């Protein structure tokens, strides 16, 4: 999916039913330049504040399911509101952002946008919102149930120890032991060891 600025009407195809009338006024009021982009392995979304006459800019990966897309969009919008309220000299995911993001999520949860399993996972996350959706393992597992089925793909935690898997850029790894929250995995081509989140999606190899 190419990186393009998206007319707001298109957004209705990417968010859950009933969410577009709630999201559109937020983006229009704050003059947000919204970009729906192709999949990015390192981020699900991004925010850039208004600078030198340019609008606020938010991008969200277009391959996310509707619920993950909306959550990511609200995550980035919370950055915008935090910037407007407190300026740029704050930790990206400090207490000000956490408070703002939690407030936005509570509003959307109360409006019945999310199914019960996602609602429960989001409600649990409100105590201390993660810096990214990917960092919230419980939420990621629930959201993944709403993804389109992709043959051969699974989570790192589902790959047997010692077996190989491929990531999106084509590199191949052998799964190693879990150290605290992440798995140590060896890249076959270089012998280097990288750490992977248990909920990172990979292509399982025979």
C-alpha atoms as a PDB file:
ATOM      1  CA  UNK A   1       0.000   0.000   0.000  1.00  0.00           C
ATOM      2  CA  UNK A   2       1.632   3.276  -1.081  1.00  0.00           C
ATOM      3  CA  UNK A   3       2.150   6.148   1.319  1.00  0.00           C
ATOM      4  CA  UNK A   4      -0.447   8.765   0.390  1.00  0.00           C
ATOM      5  CA  UNK A   5      -2.454  11.463   2.096  1.00  0.00           C
ATOM      6  CA  UNK A   6      -5.927  10.009   2.523  1.00  0.00           C
ATOM      7  CA  UNK A   7      -9.229  11.859   2.066  1.00  0.00           C
ATOM      8  CA  UNK A   8     -11.062  11.587   5.379  1.00  0.00           C
ATOM      9  CA  UNK A   9     -13.990   9.774   3.761  1.00  0.00           C
ATOM     10  CA  UNK A  10     -11.644   6.857   3.064  1.00  0.00           C
ATOM     11  CA  UNK A  11     -11.023   6.551   6.796  1.00  0.00           C
ATOM     12  CA  UNK A  12     -14.477   5.010   7.251  1.00  0.00           C
ATOM     13  CA  UNK A  13     -13.192   1.866   5.511  1.00  0.00           C
ATOM     14  CA  UNK A  14     -10.356   1.461   8.032  1.00  0.00           C
ATOM     15  CA  UNK A  15     -12.111   1.952  11.394  1.00  0.00           C
ATOM     16  CA  UNK A  16     -14.905  -0.022  13.117  1.00  0.00           C
ATOM     17  CA  UNK A  17     -18.540   0.749  12.457  1.00  0.00           C
ATOM     18  CA  UNK A  18     -19.634   3.825  14.386  1.00  0.00           C
ATOM     19  CA  UNK A  19     -16.103   5.170  14.873  1.00  0.00           C
ATOM     20  CA  UNK A  20     -15.818   7.463  11.848  1.00  0.00           C
ATOM     21  CA  UNK A  21     -18.346  10.106  13.070  1.00  0.00           C
ATOM     22  CA  UNK A  22     -16.352  10.297  16.300  1.00  0.00           C
ATOM     23  CA  UNK A  23     -12.895  10.477  14.724  1.00  0.00           C
ATOM     24  CA  UNK A  24     -13.581  12.811  11.788  1.00  0.00           C
ATOM     25  CA  UNK A  25     -14.327  15.942  13.905  1.00  0.00           C
ATOM     26  CA  UNK A  26     -11.121  15.415  15.894  1.00  0.00           C
ATOM     27  CA  UNK A  27      -8.999  15.346  12.746  1.00  0.00           C
ATOM     28  CA  UNK A  28     -10.812  18.248  11.081  1.00  0.00           C
ATOM     29  CA  UNK A  29     -10.753  20.475  14.164  1.00  0.00           C
ATOM     30  CA  UNK A  30      -7.019  20.008  14.602  1.00  0.00           C
ATOM     31  CA  UNK A  31      -6.249  20.102  10.870  1.00  0.00           C
ATOM     32  CA  UNK A  32      -4.537  16.736  10.817  1.00  0.00           C
ATOM     33  CA  UNK A  33      -2.797  15.553   7.657  1.00  0.00           C
ATOM     34  CA  UNK A  34      -3.614  11.824   7.785  1.00  0.00           C
ATOM     35  CA  UNK A  35      -1.513   9.302   5.905  1.00  0.00           C
ATOM     36  CA  UNK A  36      -2.426   5.644   5.551  1.00  0.00           C
ATOM     37  CA  UNK A  37       0.794   3.865   4.753  1.00  0.00           C
ATOM     38  CA  UNK A  38       2.021   0.401   3.910  1.00  0.00           C
ATOM     39  CA  UNK A  39       3.118  -1.966   6.631  1.00  0.00           C
ATOM     40  CA  UNK A  40       6.123  -0.883   8.691  1.00  0.00           C
ATOM     41  CA  UNK A  41       7.791  -3.512  10.854  1.00  0.00           C
ATOM     42  CA  UNK A  42       9.097  -1.047  13.436  1.00  0.00           C
ATOM     43  CA  UNK A  43       5.996   1.119  14.015  1.00  0.00           C
ATOM     44  CA  UNK A  44       2.224   0.916  13.637  1.00  0.00           C
ATOM     45  CA  UNK A  45       1.736   4.674  13.543  1.00  0.00           C
ATOM     46  CA  UNK A  46       3.536   7.981  13.836  1.00  0.00           C
ATOM     47  CA  UNK A  47       2.887  11.606  14.834  1.00  0.00           C
ATOM     48  CA  UNK A  48       4.691  14.777  13.728  1.00  0.00           C
ATOM     49  CA  UNK A  49       3.611  18.097  15.222  1.00  0.00           C
ATOM     50  CA  UNK A  50       2.801  21.164  13.162  1.00  0.00           C
ATOM     51  CA  UNK A  51       5.947  22.973  12.084  1.00  0.00           C
ATOM     52  CA  UNK A  52       6.699  25.940   9.828  1.00  0.00           C
ATOM     53  CA  UNK A  53       3.122  26.334   8.662  1.00  0.00           C
ATOM     54  CA  UNK A  54       2.541  22.618   8.082  1.00  0.00           C
ATOM     55  CA  UNK A  55      -0.378  20.745   9.620  1.00  0.00           C
ATOM     56  CA  UNK A  56      -0.085  18.123  12.312  1.00  0.00           C
ATOM     57  CA  UNK A  57       0.769  14.824  10.609  1.00  0.00           C
ATOM     58  CA  UNK A  58      -0.378  11.354  11.643  1.00  0.00           C
ATOM     59  CA  UNK A  59       0.363   8.152   9.772  1.00  0.00           C
ATOM     60  CA  UNK A  60      -1.123   4.708  10.451  1.00  0.00           C
ATOM     61  CA  UNK A  61      -0.284   1.381   8.821  1.00  0.00           C
ATOM     62  CA  UNK A  62      -3.039   0.452   6.404  1.00  0.00           C
ATOM     63  CA  UNK A  63      -2.709  -3.308   6.875  1.00  0.00           C
ATOM     64  CA  UNK A  64      -4.004  -3.230  10.468  1.00  0.00           C
ATOM     65  CA  UNK A  65      -7.416  -4.651  11.270  1.00  0.00           C
ATOM     66  CA  UNK A  66     -10.068  -2.026  11.988  1.00  0.00           C
ATOM     67  CA  UNK A  67      -9.769  -2.177  15.757  1.00  0.00           C
ATOM     68  CA  UNK A  68      -5.970  -2.050  15.742  1.00  0.00           C
ATOM     69  CA  UNK A  69      -6.121   0.826  13.248  1.00  0.00           C
ATOM     70  CA  UNK A  70      -8.456   2.846  15.476  1.00  0.00           C
ATOM     71  CA  UNK A  71      -6.401   2.193  18.613  1.00  0.00           C
ATOM     72  CA  UNK A  72      -3.213   3.241  16.810  1.00  0.00           C
ATOM     73  CA  UNK A  73      -4.893   6.382  15.457  1.00  0.00           C
ATOM     74  CA  UNK A  74      -6.069   7.344  18.960  1.00  0.00           C
ATOM     75  CA  UNK A  75      -2.579   6.648  20.330  1.00  0.00           C
ATOM     76  CA  UNK A  76      -1.095   9.117  17.851  1.00  0.00           C
ATOM     77  CA  UNK A  77      -3.881  11.653  18.376  1.00  0.00           C
ATOM     78  CA  UNK A  78      -3.063  11.600  22.087  1.00  0.00           C
ATOM     79  CA  UNK A  79       0.454  12.737  21.130  1.00  0.00           C
ATOM     80  CA  UNK A  80      -1.080  15.674  19.273  1.00  0.00           C
ATOM     81  CA  UNK A  81      -3.230  16.737  22.234  1.00  0.00           C
ATOM     82  CA  UNK A  82      -0.324  16.324  24.645  1.00  0.00           C
ATOM     83  CA  UNK A  83       1.816  18.532  22.413  1.00  0.00           C
ATOM     84  CA  UNK A  84      -0.887  21.213  22.295  1.00  0.00           C
ATOM     85  CA  UNK A  85      -1.382  21.161  26.057  1.00  0.00           C
ATOM     86  CA  UNK A  86       2.222  20.846  27.236  1.00  0.00           C
ATOM     87  CA  UNK A  87       4.537  21.675  24.335  1.00  0.00           C
ATOM     88  CA  UNK A  88       7.358  19.568  22.895  1.00  0.00           C
ATOM     89  CA  UNK A  89       9.632  19.283  25.943  1.00  0.00           C
ATOM     90  CA  UNK A  90       8.096  16.159  27.447  1.00  0.00           C
ATOM     91  CA  UNK A  91       8.900  12.464  27.431  1.00  0.00           C
ATOM     92  CA  UNK A  92       7.121  10.939  24.436  1.00  0.00           C
ATOM     93  CA  UNK A  93       5.157   8.488  26.547  1.00  0.00           C
ATOM     94  CA  UNK A  94       5.361  10.172  29.936  1.00  0.00           C
ATOM     95  CA  UNK A  95       2.572  10.658  32.458  1.00  0.00           C
ATOM     96  CA  UNK A  96       0.996  13.539  30.499  1.00  0.00           C
ATOM     97  CA  UNK A  97       0.620  11.388  27.393  1.00  0.00           C
ATOM     98  CA  UNK A  98      -0.562   8.384  29.409  1.00  0.00           C
ATOM     99  CA  UNK A  99      -3.263  10.491  31.063  1.00  0.00           C
ATOM    100  CA  UNK A 100      -4.419  11.965  27.735  1.00  0.00           C
ATOM    101  CA  UNK A 101      -4.446   8.610  25.929  1.00  0.00           C
ATOM    102  CA  UNK A 102      -6.306   6.897  28.764  1.00  0.00           C
ATOM    103  CA  UNK A 103      -8.946   9.637  28.714  1.00  0.00           C
ATOM    104  CA  UNK A 104      -9.490   9.225  24.965  1.00  0.00           C
ATOM    105  CA  UNK A 105      -9.703   5.433  25.256  1.00  0.00           C
ATOM    106  CA  UNK A 106     -12.250   5.641  28.087  1.00  0.00           C
ATOM    107  CA  UNK A 107     -14.494   7.767  25.892  1.00  0.00           C
ATOM    108  CA  UNK A 108     -14.349   5.326  22.971  1.00  0.00           C
ATOM    109  CA  UNK A 109     -14.760   2.292  25.232  1.00  0.00           C
ATOM    110  CA  UNK A 110     -17.874   3.867  26.750  1.00  0.00           C
ATOM    111  CA  UNK A 111     -19.381   4.370  23.289  1.00  0.00           C
ATOM    112  CA  UNK A 112     -19.431   0.633  22.541  1.00  0.00           C
ATOM    113  CA  UNK A 113     -17.032   0.744  19.598  1.00  0.00           C
ATOM    114  CA  UNK A 114     -15.051  -2.329  20.647  1.00  0.00           C
ATOM    115  CA  UNK A 115     -16.158  -5.957  21.104  1.00  0.00           C
ATOM    116  CA  UNK A 116     -16.064  -7.333  24.643  1.00  0.00           C
ATOM    117  CA  UNK A 117     -12.652  -9.036  24.476  1.00  0.00           C
ATOM    118  CA  UNK A 118     -10.915  -5.920  23.139  1.00  0.00           C
ATOM    119  CA  UNK A 119     -12.836  -3.720  25.556  1.00  0.00           C
ATOM    120  CA  UNK A 120     -11.614  -5.819  28.482  1.00  0.00           C
ATOM    121  CA  UNK A 121      -7.993  -5.730  27.289  1.00  0.00           C
ATOM    122  CA  UNK A 122      -8.142  -1.966  26.743  1.00  0.00           C
ATOM    123  CA  UNK A 123      -9.751  -1.363  30.135  1.00  0.00           C
ATOM    124  CA  UNK A 124      -6.962  -3.341  31.815  1.00  0.00           C
ATOM    125  CA  UNK A 125      -4.366  -1.259  29.952  1.00  0.00           C
ATOM    126  CA  UNK A 126      -5.752   2.054  31.225  1.00  0.00           C
ATOM    127  CA  UNK A 127      -3.899   1.684  34.534  1.00  0.00           C
ATOM    128  CA  UNK A 128      -0.596   2.233  32.747  1.00  0.00           C
ATOM    129  CA  UNK A 129      -0.918   2.549  28.938  1.00  0.00           C
ATOM    130  CA  UNK A 130       1.987   1.014  27.031  1.00  0.00           C
ATOM    131  CA  UNK A 131       4.234   3.135  24.841  1.00  0.00           C
ATOM    132  CA  UNK A 132       3.015   1.144  21.835  1.00  0.00           C
ATOM    133  CA  UNK A 133       0.299  -1.376  21.132  1.00  0.00           C
ATOM    134  CA  UNK A 134       3.033  -3.889  20.306  1.00  0.00           C
ATOM    135  CA  UNK A 135       4.359  -3.546  23.859  1.00  0.00           C
ATOM    136  CA  UNK A 136       1.007  -4.581  25.341  1.00  0.00           C
ATOM    137  CA  UNK A 137       1.160  -8.351  24.880  1.00  0.00           C
ATOM    138  CA  UNK A 138      -2.330  -9.085  26.200  1.00  0.00           C
ATOM    139  CA  UNK A 139      -3.897  -6.515  23.876  1.00  0.00           C
ATOM    140  CA  UNK A 140      -1.867  -7.709  20.886  1.00  0.00           C
ATOM    141  CA  UNK A 141      -3.034 -11.294  21.367  1.00  0.00           C
ATOM    142  CA  UNK A 142      -6.665 -10.192  21.421  1.00  0.00           C
ATOM    143  CA  UNK A 143      -6.314  -7.860  18.427  1.00  0.00           C
ATOM    144  CA  UNK A 144      -4.620 -10.571  16.376  1.00  0.00           C
ATOM    145  CA  UNK A 145      -7.822 -12.624  16.488  1.00  0.00           C
ATOM    146  CA  UNK A 146      -9.389  -9.996  14.205  1.00  0.00           C
ATOM    147  CA  UNK A 147      -6.594 -10.089  11.609  1.00  0.00           C
ATOM    148  CA  UNK A 148      -7.150 -11.686   8.222  1.00  0.00           C
ATOM    149  CA  UNK A 149      -5.780 -15.232   8.221  1.00  0.00           C
ATOM    150  CA  UNK A 150      -2.298 -15.403   6.689  1.00  0.00           C
ATOM    151  CA  UNK A 151      -1.166 -18.927   5.915  1.00  0.00           C
ATOM    152  CA  UNK A 152       2.033 -19.912   7.704  1.00  0.00           C
ATOM    153  CA  UNK A 153       2.255 -16.883   9.994  1.00  0.00           C
ATOM    154  CA  UNK A 154       2.358 -17.157  13.759  1.00  0.00           C
ATOM    155  CA  UNK A 155       3.728 -15.383  16.824  1.00  0.00           C
ATOM    156  CA  UNK A 156       7.326 -15.851  17.936  1.00  0.00           C
ATOM    157  CA  UNK A 157       6.080 -17.485  21.145  1.00  0.00           C
ATOM    158  CA  UNK A 158       4.316 -20.125  19.015  1.00  0.00           C
ATOM    159  CA  UNK A 159       7.526 -21.163  17.213  1.00  0.00           C
ATOM    160  CA  UNK A 160       9.108 -24.196  18.916  1.00  0.00           C
ATOM    161  CA  UNK A 161      12.492 -23.562  20.524  1.00  0.00           C
ATOM    162  CA  UNK A 162      15.323 -24.202  18.089  1.00  0.00           C
ATOM    163  CA  UNK A 163      13.113 -23.878  15.010  1.00  0.00           C
ATOM    164  CA  UNK A 164      13.592 -21.282  12.294  1.00  0.00           C
ATOM    165  CA  UNK A 165      11.357 -18.423  11.221  1.00  0.00           C
ATOM    166  CA  UNK A 166      11.461 -15.638   8.658  1.00  0.00           C
ATOM    167  CA  UNK A 167      10.598 -11.979   9.257  1.00  0.00           C
ATOM    168  CA  UNK A 168       9.101  -9.553   6.756  1.00  0.00           C
ATOM    169  CA  UNK A 169      12.404  -8.309   5.354  1.00  0.00           C
ATOM    170  CA  UNK A 170      13.408 -11.887   4.473  1.00  0.00           C
ATOM    171  CA  UNK A 171      15.930 -12.538   7.225  1.00  0.00           C
ATOM    172  CA  UNK A 172      15.888 -15.968   8.832  1.00  0.00           C
ATOM    173  CA  UNK A 173      16.338 -16.626  12.557  1.00  0.00           C
ATOM    174  CA  UNK A 174      16.553 -19.587  14.910  1.00  0.00           C
ATOM    175  CA  UNK A 175      14.456 -19.212  18.040  1.00  0.00           C
ATOM    176  CA  UNK A 176      16.365 -19.338  21.298  1.00  0.00           C
ATOM    177  CA  UNK A 177      15.560 -19.115  24.964  1.00  0.00           C
ATOM    178  CA  UNK A 178      13.288 -16.560  26.570  1.00  0.00           C
ATOM    179  CA  UNK A 179      15.089 -13.975  28.676  1.00  0.00           C
ATOM    180  CA  UNK A 180      12.653 -12.092  30.884  1.00  0.00           C
ATOM    181  CA  UNK A 181      10.047 -10.733  28.456  1.00  0.00           C
ATOM    182  CA  UNK A 182      11.729 -11.436  25.090  1.00  0.00           C
ATOM    183  CA  UNK A 183      13.226 -14.276  23.104  1.00  0.00           C
ATOM    184  CA  UNK A 184      16.867 -14.328  22.040  1.00  0.00           C
ATOM    185  CA  UNK A 185      17.051 -15.448  18.399  1.00  0.00           C
ATOM    186  CA  UNK A 186      20.083 -15.986  16.183  1.00  0.00           C
ATOM    187  CA  UNK A 187      20.161 -14.569  12.647  1.00  0.00           C
ATOM    188  CA  UNK A 188      21.419 -17.439  10.514  1.00  0.00           C
ATOM    189  CA  UNK A 189      23.247 -15.305   7.955  1.00  0.00           C
ATOM    190  CA  UNK A 190      25.357 -13.376  10.465  1.00  0.00           C
ATOM    191  CA  UNK A 191      25.248 -15.290  13.743  1.00  0.00           C
ATOM    192  CA  UNK A 192      24.097 -12.149  15.531  1.00  0.00           C
ATOM    193  CA  UNK A 193      21.578 -12.474  18.345  1.00  0.00           C
ATOM    194  CA  UNK A 194      18.460 -10.294  18.362  1.00  0.00           C
ATOM    195  CA  UNK A 195      15.604 -10.110  20.866  1.00  0.00           C
ATOM    196  CA  UNK A 196      11.990 -10.523  19.787  1.00  0.00           C
ATOM    197  CA  UNK A 197       8.722  -9.792  21.506  1.00  0.00           C
ATOM    198  CA  UNK A 198       6.638 -12.938  22.096  1.00  0.00           C
ATOM    199  CA  UNK A 199       3.806 -11.375  20.065  1.00  0.00           C
ATOM    200  CA  UNK A 200       5.900 -10.383  17.027  1.00  0.00           C
ATOM    201  CA  UNK A 201       4.378 -12.023  13.929  1.00  0.00           C
ATOM    202  CA  UNK A 202       6.697 -14.157  11.795  1.00  0.00           C
ATOM    203  CA  UNK A 203       6.569 -16.738   9.019  1.00  0.00           C
ATOM    204  CA  UNK A 204       7.184 -20.164  10.450  1.00  0.00           C
ATOM    205  CA  UNK A 205       9.566 -22.324   8.408  1.00  0.00           C
ATOM    206  CA  UNK A 206       9.396 -26.137   8.024  1.00  0.00           C
END
